[in-house]
Protein backbone atom coordinates (compact mmCIF):
# COMPACT_ATOMS: atom_id res chain seq x y z
CA MET A 1 300.99 69.60 -80.48
CA SER A 2 302.05 71.19 -77.17
CA ARG A 3 301.16 70.38 -73.60
CA PHE A 4 300.47 72.39 -70.42
CA THR A 5 300.50 70.43 -67.16
CA LEU A 6 300.05 71.52 -63.53
CA PRO A 7 299.16 69.68 -60.29
CA ARG A 8 295.54 68.51 -60.09
CA ASP A 9 295.02 70.66 -56.96
CA LEU A 10 296.88 73.58 -55.45
CA TYR A 11 295.99 74.72 -51.94
CA TYR A 12 297.44 78.04 -50.82
CA GLY A 13 297.24 80.61 -48.04
CA LYS A 14 298.10 80.56 -44.36
CA GLY A 15 296.79 77.41 -42.73
CA SER A 16 296.45 75.48 -46.00
CA LEU A 17 298.58 72.72 -44.46
CA GLU A 18 295.36 71.59 -42.78
CA THR A 19 294.32 70.14 -46.14
CA LEU A 20 296.22 67.03 -45.05
CA LYS A 21 293.41 66.24 -42.59
CA THR A 22 291.10 65.52 -45.53
CA LEU A 23 293.42 63.06 -47.28
CA LYS A 24 292.05 59.62 -48.18
CA GLY A 25 294.53 56.77 -47.92
CA LYS A 26 296.25 54.22 -45.70
CA LYS A 27 299.97 55.01 -45.55
CA ALA A 28 302.08 58.09 -46.17
CA ILE A 29 305.85 58.42 -46.21
CA VAL A 30 307.00 61.96 -45.41
CA VAL A 31 310.33 62.97 -46.99
CA VAL A 32 312.10 65.89 -45.28
CA GLY A 33 315.48 67.60 -45.17
CA GLY A 34 317.98 68.34 -42.46
CA GLY A 35 315.83 69.34 -39.51
CA SER A 36 314.37 72.85 -39.87
CA MET A 37 310.87 71.49 -40.46
CA LYS A 38 311.17 69.48 -37.25
CA ARG A 39 312.81 72.34 -35.33
CA PHE A 40 310.01 74.78 -36.18
CA GLY A 41 307.27 72.27 -35.40
CA PHE A 42 305.95 71.82 -38.94
CA LEU A 43 306.81 68.14 -39.12
CA ASP A 44 304.86 67.38 -35.94
CA THR A 45 301.91 69.34 -37.34
CA ILE A 46 302.00 67.37 -40.59
CA VAL A 47 302.13 64.02 -38.78
CA SER A 48 299.28 65.14 -36.50
CA TYR A 49 297.08 66.12 -39.49
CA LEU A 50 297.79 62.79 -41.20
CA ASN A 51 296.93 60.94 -38.02
CA ASP A 52 293.64 62.88 -37.95
CA ALA A 53 293.01 61.42 -41.43
CA ASN A 54 293.72 57.90 -40.04
CA ILE A 55 296.84 57.56 -42.19
CA GLU A 56 299.87 55.63 -40.92
CA VAL A 57 303.04 57.71 -41.24
CA LYS A 58 306.71 56.88 -41.81
CA LEU A 59 309.41 59.56 -41.91
CA PHE A 60 312.40 59.63 -44.24
CA GLU A 61 314.60 62.40 -42.84
CA ASN A 62 317.90 64.15 -43.50
CA VAL A 63 317.81 64.57 -47.26
CA GLU A 64 320.91 66.68 -47.90
CA PRO A 65 321.02 69.94 -49.90
CA ASP A 66 321.49 69.00 -53.56
CA PRO A 67 320.39 65.40 -52.99
CA SER A 68 322.58 62.57 -54.20
CA VAL A 69 321.80 59.51 -56.28
CA GLU A 70 322.62 57.43 -53.15
CA THR A 71 320.02 59.26 -51.03
CA VAL A 72 317.40 58.72 -53.73
CA LEU A 73 318.06 54.97 -53.81
CA ARG A 74 317.94 54.73 -50.00
CA GLY A 75 314.61 56.55 -49.98
CA ALA A 76 313.22 54.22 -52.64
CA GLU A 77 314.21 51.22 -50.49
CA ALA A 78 312.41 52.73 -47.48
CA MET A 79 309.30 53.19 -49.65
CA LYS A 80 309.45 49.60 -50.90
CA GLU A 81 309.55 48.34 -47.30
CA PHE A 82 306.69 50.60 -46.12
CA ASN A 83 304.51 50.47 -49.27
CA PRO A 84 302.86 53.93 -49.01
CA ASP A 85 299.98 55.11 -51.16
CA TRP A 86 300.98 58.75 -50.56
CA ILE A 87 304.45 60.27 -50.86
CA ILE A 88 304.57 63.65 -49.11
CA ALA A 89 307.68 65.79 -49.59
CA VAL A 90 308.13 68.85 -47.41
CA GLY A 91 310.88 71.46 -47.23
CA GLY A 92 313.09 73.17 -49.77
CA GLY A 93 313.69 71.99 -53.29
CA SER A 94 316.05 69.23 -52.17
CA PRO A 95 313.67 66.87 -50.32
CA ILE A 96 310.93 67.45 -52.91
CA ASP A 97 313.28 66.78 -55.83
CA ALA A 98 314.69 63.71 -54.07
CA ALA A 99 311.21 62.35 -53.32
CA LYS A 100 310.18 62.70 -56.98
CA ALA A 101 313.10 60.48 -58.02
CA MET A 102 312.49 58.07 -55.09
CA TRP A 103 308.89 57.72 -56.28
CA THR A 104 310.07 56.47 -59.66
CA PHE A 105 312.42 53.84 -58.20
CA TYR A 106 309.72 52.78 -55.69
CA GLU A 107 307.25 52.04 -58.48
CA TYR A 108 309.87 50.73 -60.95
CA PRO A 109 312.75 49.13 -58.97
CA GLU A 110 314.39 47.85 -62.17
CA THR A 111 314.83 51.41 -63.52
CA THR A 112 318.37 52.77 -63.52
CA PHE A 113 319.38 56.37 -62.90
CA GLU A 114 320.86 56.44 -66.41
CA ASP A 115 317.38 55.66 -67.80
CA LEU A 116 315.99 58.83 -66.22
CA ILE A 117 318.64 61.25 -67.46
CA THR A 118 317.00 61.32 -70.90
CA PRO A 119 314.32 64.05 -70.72
CA PHE A 120 310.69 62.87 -70.77
CA ASN A 121 311.65 59.21 -70.61
CA PHE A 122 310.03 58.21 -67.30
CA PRO A 123 307.75 55.19 -66.92
CA GLU A 124 304.05 55.78 -66.12
CA LEU A 125 303.81 56.68 -62.42
CA ARG A 126 300.88 56.51 -59.93
CA GLN A 127 300.80 52.72 -60.02
CA LYS A 128 301.40 52.57 -56.24
CA ALA A 129 301.29 56.11 -54.87
CA LYS A 130 300.33 59.73 -55.45
CA PHE A 131 302.52 62.70 -54.60
CA ILE A 132 302.07 65.81 -52.45
CA ALA A 133 304.66 68.61 -52.36
CA ILE A 134 304.80 71.22 -49.59
CA PRO A 135 307.51 73.89 -50.16
CA SER A 136 309.16 75.76 -47.29
CA THR A 137 311.33 77.98 -49.52
CA SER A 138 310.29 80.49 -52.15
CA GLY A 139 312.30 79.71 -55.26
CA THR A 140 312.52 76.25 -56.76
CA ALA A 141 308.73 75.85 -57.29
CA THR A 142 309.35 72.12 -57.59
CA GLU A 143 305.90 71.68 -56.01
CA VAL A 144 304.34 72.48 -59.40
CA THR A 145 307.00 71.36 -61.87
CA ALA A 146 307.90 68.38 -63.99
CA PHE A 147 311.54 68.60 -62.86
CA SER A 148 313.89 67.18 -60.27
CA VAL A 149 317.61 67.94 -59.88
CA ILE A 150 319.79 65.13 -58.52
CA THR A 151 323.57 65.28 -58.04
CA ASP A 152 326.08 62.59 -58.92
CA TYR A 153 328.89 63.61 -56.56
CA ALA A 154 331.30 61.03 -57.99
CA LYS A 155 331.12 62.89 -61.31
CA GLY A 156 330.51 66.35 -59.82
CA ILE A 157 327.45 66.81 -62.05
CA LYS A 158 323.90 67.91 -61.33
CA TYR A 159 321.34 66.13 -63.50
CA PRO A 160 318.01 67.84 -64.21
CA LEU A 161 315.42 65.07 -64.56
CA ALA A 162 312.38 66.06 -66.60
CA ASP A 163 309.03 64.36 -67.14
CA PHE A 164 305.40 65.41 -66.73
CA ASN A 165 304.92 62.18 -64.74
CA ILE A 166 306.72 63.73 -61.76
CA THR A 167 304.51 66.81 -61.59
CA PRO A 168 302.95 66.47 -58.10
CA ASP A 169 299.28 65.57 -57.76
CA ILE A 170 298.78 68.13 -55.00
CA ALA A 171 300.77 71.23 -54.07
CA ILE A 172 300.24 72.90 -50.68
CA VAL A 173 301.67 76.43 -50.81
CA ASP A 174 301.39 77.59 -47.20
CA PRO A 175 303.44 80.78 -46.68
CA THR A 176 303.77 80.10 -42.94
CA LEU A 177 306.50 77.57 -43.75
CA ALA A 178 308.50 80.22 -45.65
CA GLU A 179 308.51 82.64 -42.71
CA THR A 180 311.44 80.75 -41.16
CA MET A 181 313.83 81.19 -44.12
CA PRO A 182 317.14 82.87 -43.22
CA GLN A 183 318.03 86.07 -45.09
CA LYS A 184 320.63 84.59 -47.47
CA LEU A 185 318.30 81.74 -48.47
CA THR A 186 315.51 84.26 -49.06
CA ALA A 187 317.78 86.13 -51.49
CA HIS A 188 319.07 83.07 -53.34
CA THR A 189 315.68 81.40 -53.73
CA GLY A 190 314.09 84.68 -54.79
CA MET A 191 316.66 85.23 -57.54
CA ASP A 192 316.17 81.60 -58.58
CA ALA A 193 312.47 82.37 -59.04
CA LEU A 194 313.31 85.46 -61.10
CA THR A 195 315.59 83.37 -63.33
CA HIS A 196 312.88 80.74 -63.79
CA ALA A 197 310.40 83.35 -64.96
CA VAL A 198 312.81 85.24 -67.24
CA GLU A 199 314.07 82.05 -68.88
CA ALA A 200 310.51 80.75 -69.35
CA TYR A 201 309.45 83.99 -71.03
CA VAL A 202 312.28 83.93 -73.60
CA SER A 203 312.37 80.13 -74.05
CA THR A 204 311.77 78.74 -77.51
CA LEU A 205 308.79 76.90 -76.00
CA ASN A 206 307.07 79.99 -74.55
CA SER A 207 303.35 80.12 -75.19
CA PRO A 208 300.19 82.18 -74.52
CA PHE A 209 299.65 79.87 -71.52
CA THR A 210 303.08 80.45 -69.94
CA ASP A 211 303.73 84.12 -70.80
CA PRO A 212 301.25 85.70 -68.34
CA LEU A 213 302.53 83.48 -65.51
CA ALA A 214 306.15 84.37 -66.27
CA LEU A 215 305.54 88.13 -66.50
CA LYS A 216 303.48 88.25 -63.31
CA ALA A 217 306.15 86.26 -61.47
CA ILE A 218 308.90 88.65 -62.64
CA GLU A 219 306.84 91.63 -61.48
CA MET A 220 306.18 90.02 -58.08
CA VAL A 221 309.85 89.21 -57.48
CA PHE A 222 310.93 92.76 -58.28
CA ASP A 223 308.09 94.15 -56.13
CA TYR A 224 308.41 91.91 -53.07
CA LEU A 225 311.88 90.36 -52.80
CA PRO A 226 313.68 93.31 -51.14
CA ALA A 227 311.05 93.58 -48.39
CA SER A 228 310.94 89.78 -48.01
CA TYR A 229 314.74 89.79 -47.67
CA ASN A 230 314.39 92.36 -44.89
CA GLY A 231 311.88 90.23 -42.98
CA ASP A 232 308.51 91.64 -44.07
CA MET A 233 306.20 88.62 -43.75
CA ASN A 234 303.49 90.01 -46.03
CA ALA A 235 306.10 90.38 -48.77
CA ARG A 236 307.37 86.90 -47.98
CA GLU A 237 303.87 85.51 -48.51
CA GLN A 238 303.64 87.19 -51.91
CA MET A 239 307.09 85.82 -52.84
CA HIS A 240 305.86 82.32 -51.96
CA TYR A 241 303.06 82.74 -54.50
CA GLY A 242 305.22 84.52 -57.09
CA GLN A 243 307.82 81.77 -57.17
CA CYS A 244 305.00 79.25 -57.66
CA LEU A 245 303.75 81.17 -60.72
CA ALA A 246 307.32 81.12 -62.08
CA GLY A 247 307.36 77.35 -61.61
CA MET A 248 304.10 76.94 -63.50
CA ALA A 249 305.63 78.92 -66.37
CA PHE A 250 308.96 77.14 -66.62
CA SER A 251 307.59 73.65 -66.05
CA ASN A 252 305.74 74.08 -69.34
CA ALA A 253 307.96 76.50 -71.29
CA LEU A 254 311.25 75.00 -70.00
CA LEU A 255 314.40 77.00 -69.25
CA GLY A 256 317.68 78.08 -70.83
CA ILE A 257 321.44 78.21 -70.40
CA VAL A 258 321.48 80.10 -67.09
CA HIS A 259 320.24 76.84 -65.60
CA SER A 260 322.49 74.68 -67.78
CA MET A 261 325.49 76.60 -66.44
CA ALA A 262 324.29 76.58 -62.83
CA HIS A 263 323.66 72.81 -62.95
CA LYS A 264 327.18 72.11 -64.16
CA THR A 265 329.06 74.47 -61.85
CA GLY A 266 327.23 73.96 -58.53
CA ALA A 267 329.38 71.01 -57.43
CA ALA A 268 332.33 71.45 -59.80
CA PHE A 269 334.91 73.38 -57.76
CA SER A 270 337.02 72.38 -54.75
CA THR A 271 336.44 75.77 -53.09
CA GLY A 272 332.93 74.66 -52.23
CA HIS A 273 329.39 74.45 -53.44
CA ILE A 274 327.84 77.35 -55.38
CA PRO A 275 324.20 77.56 -54.18
CA HIS A 276 321.90 77.11 -57.15
CA GLY A 277 320.00 80.39 -56.75
CA CYS A 278 323.24 82.30 -56.22
CA ALA A 279 324.73 80.84 -59.42
CA ASN A 280 321.59 81.77 -61.37
CA ALA A 281 321.69 85.31 -60.00
CA ILE A 282 325.34 85.75 -61.04
CA TYR A 283 324.86 84.29 -64.52
CA LEU A 284 321.52 85.86 -65.48
CA PRO A 285 322.66 89.37 -66.60
CA TYR A 286 325.49 87.92 -68.71
CA VAL A 287 323.18 85.40 -70.37
CA ILE A 288 320.57 88.10 -71.11
CA LYS A 289 323.27 90.04 -73.00
CA PHE A 290 324.32 86.90 -74.88
CA ASN A 291 320.74 85.91 -75.76
CA ALA A 292 319.61 89.42 -76.68
CA LYS A 293 320.73 88.92 -80.30
CA CYS A 294 317.92 86.37 -80.69
CA ALA A 295 315.39 87.46 -78.06
CA GLU A 296 315.70 91.25 -78.06
CA GLN A 297 311.98 91.99 -78.18
CA ARG A 298 311.13 89.51 -75.42
CA TYR A 299 313.68 90.95 -72.99
CA ALA A 300 312.52 94.47 -73.89
CA ASP A 301 308.94 93.39 -73.15
CA ILE A 302 310.02 92.23 -69.69
CA ALA A 303 311.75 95.55 -69.05
CA LYS A 304 308.64 97.52 -70.07
CA PHE A 305 306.34 95.26 -68.06
CA VAL A 306 308.24 96.05 -64.84
CA GLY A 307 308.21 99.79 -65.54
CA LEU A 308 311.66 100.37 -67.02
CA THR A 309 312.17 102.90 -69.79
CA GLY A 310 314.61 103.35 -72.66
CA ASN A 311 314.88 104.96 -76.09
CA ASN A 312 315.19 101.58 -77.78
CA ASN A 313 315.30 97.87 -77.05
CA ALA A 314 319.04 97.86 -76.37
CA GLU A 315 318.60 100.52 -73.66
CA LEU A 316 315.67 98.66 -72.15
CA ILE A 317 317.73 95.45 -71.97
CA ASN A 318 320.71 97.26 -70.42
CA ASN A 319 318.40 98.77 -67.83
CA LEU A 320 316.94 95.34 -67.07
CA CYS A 321 320.45 93.94 -66.54
CA ASP A 322 321.34 96.93 -64.35
CA LYS A 323 318.22 96.29 -62.25
CA ILE A 324 319.24 92.67 -61.73
CA ASP A 325 322.81 93.74 -60.88
CA ASN A 326 321.42 96.21 -58.34
CA TYR A 327 319.31 93.52 -56.71
CA ASN A 328 322.31 91.19 -56.54
CA ALA A 329 324.35 93.94 -54.86
CA LYS A 330 321.50 94.56 -52.40
CA PHE A 331 321.49 90.86 -51.47
CA ASN A 332 325.30 90.53 -51.22
CA ILE A 333 325.47 88.25 -54.26
CA PRO A 334 328.84 88.49 -56.09
CA LYS A 335 329.02 89.84 -59.64
CA THR A 336 331.63 87.32 -60.86
CA LEU A 337 332.80 83.77 -60.18
CA LYS A 338 336.19 85.22 -59.22
CA GLU A 339 334.50 87.37 -56.59
CA PHE A 340 332.59 84.29 -55.38
CA GLY A 341 335.95 82.73 -54.57
CA ILE A 342 336.55 80.21 -57.37
CA VAL A 343 340.34 79.81 -57.75
CA GLU A 344 341.53 81.07 -61.12
CA GLU A 345 343.84 78.14 -61.85
CA GLU A 346 341.10 75.61 -61.15
CA PHE A 347 338.60 77.60 -63.23
CA LYS A 348 340.99 77.63 -66.21
CA GLN A 349 341.64 73.92 -65.80
CA LYS A 350 337.94 72.97 -65.70
CA VAL A 351 336.13 75.54 -67.86
CA LYS A 352 336.35 73.57 -71.12
CA GLU A 353 334.87 70.41 -69.61
CA ILE A 354 332.19 72.36 -67.71
CA SER A 355 331.26 74.13 -70.96
CA GLU A 356 330.86 70.81 -72.76
CA LEU A 357 328.67 69.49 -69.94
CA ALA A 358 326.54 72.66 -69.93
CA ILE A 359 325.95 72.33 -73.69
CA SER A 360 324.59 68.81 -73.14
CA ASP A 361 322.33 69.87 -70.24
CA ALA A 362 318.60 69.35 -70.76
CA CYS A 363 317.92 73.11 -70.40
CA THR A 364 320.14 74.16 -73.32
CA GLY A 365 317.73 72.98 -76.02
CA SER A 366 315.09 75.62 -75.24
CA ASN A 367 317.50 78.55 -74.92
CA PRO A 368 316.55 81.29 -77.43
CA ARG A 369 320.05 81.51 -78.92
CA ALA A 370 321.96 78.44 -80.05
CA ILE A 371 325.40 78.18 -78.43
CA THR A 372 328.58 76.29 -79.28
CA THR A 373 331.03 74.85 -76.75
CA GLU A 374 333.52 77.58 -77.67
CA GLU A 375 330.91 80.31 -77.08
CA MET A 376 329.92 78.71 -73.77
CA GLU A 377 333.56 78.76 -72.68
CA LYS A 378 333.82 82.41 -73.73
CA LEU A 379 330.66 83.22 -71.76
CA PHE A 380 332.02 81.50 -68.65
CA ASN A 381 335.20 83.58 -68.98
CA CYS A 382 333.11 86.77 -69.09
CA ILE A 383 331.33 85.63 -65.93
CA TYR A 384 334.56 84.71 -64.17
CA TYR A 385 336.34 88.00 -64.88
CA GLY A 386 333.32 90.31 -65.18
CA THR A 387 334.05 91.32 -68.78
CA GLU A 388 331.47 92.53 -71.30
CA VAL A 389 329.51 90.01 -73.37
CA ASN A 390 329.83 91.28 -76.95
CA PHE A 391 329.80 88.22 -79.20
């Protein structure tokens, strides 16, 4: 038996934020990031709408990019003190992901972070509160997914938490919030959305319910991301919807090793953080070539769906990889980890351990081609130096 789960309600379109005026409840805690939502006036608007609904509001601000275990536990403490019946997370993937984990510790204070690392092992939520997610970026789609990514900085590891319990009750997909994204973030989040959709389509758990969502999302990213990157707000609106479709697909079909690798390299190197969407964009063409041995027809289907041609499946797949490479070049995304700036000596020193961690990542299990630690290390070397994947 399989399962397909989405939020109970999804409100979308410009002005859909006003849905908050109709909320029924007593208290809402609003979880936000580093200040852009306040700076652009969205936070004041949200508080005003909640006040219109006669709901008492508490803010939990300054969730950092790639939220830490410590931030999650602090947020859960704030929730325990305030006792909200609504948790509202607004911003990029970070505050929404953090709030999902906070929600669990709020309702089950005795739970440990180690308990949640095992996929689909969460306790039954909604004992104290329901959850609303309002994205301001067009990539993570965490507003419709059963996932949260939390970083243990002491270990330098990102943990993808997975459970249908943390799928939000309500998603508000208002493209007005995405209009403020800077150009680089627009590129990285857009390529993240593309990776979500591609990995969902070739996942071992793909289904007739997820395939149409994944294909449409891929088409929309290819159609609208360049114009969105260049500031076209109509294209940006379409990207906000396209990334949401990608989220619906991967939340139910799961992902693959592009994400396993990105999770385990984001915080691994002393030269600085590799933004998640950027890592996905770099890794995706290499992983497609690795996976093609076991998912040739599926990748060829993607290529044909977006209008690419070729005399056979191998040509179609090469053309798909070339298209992704061209988009990366357009968006100033490096082609290799070396070009990104990772120091060679440190890469060599850490690649074996990172490969082992990537193998154990929750996303590896649904990758279309099984992979050993040795093959993962080999693949990382191809990505570092830009060499051909031919194994």
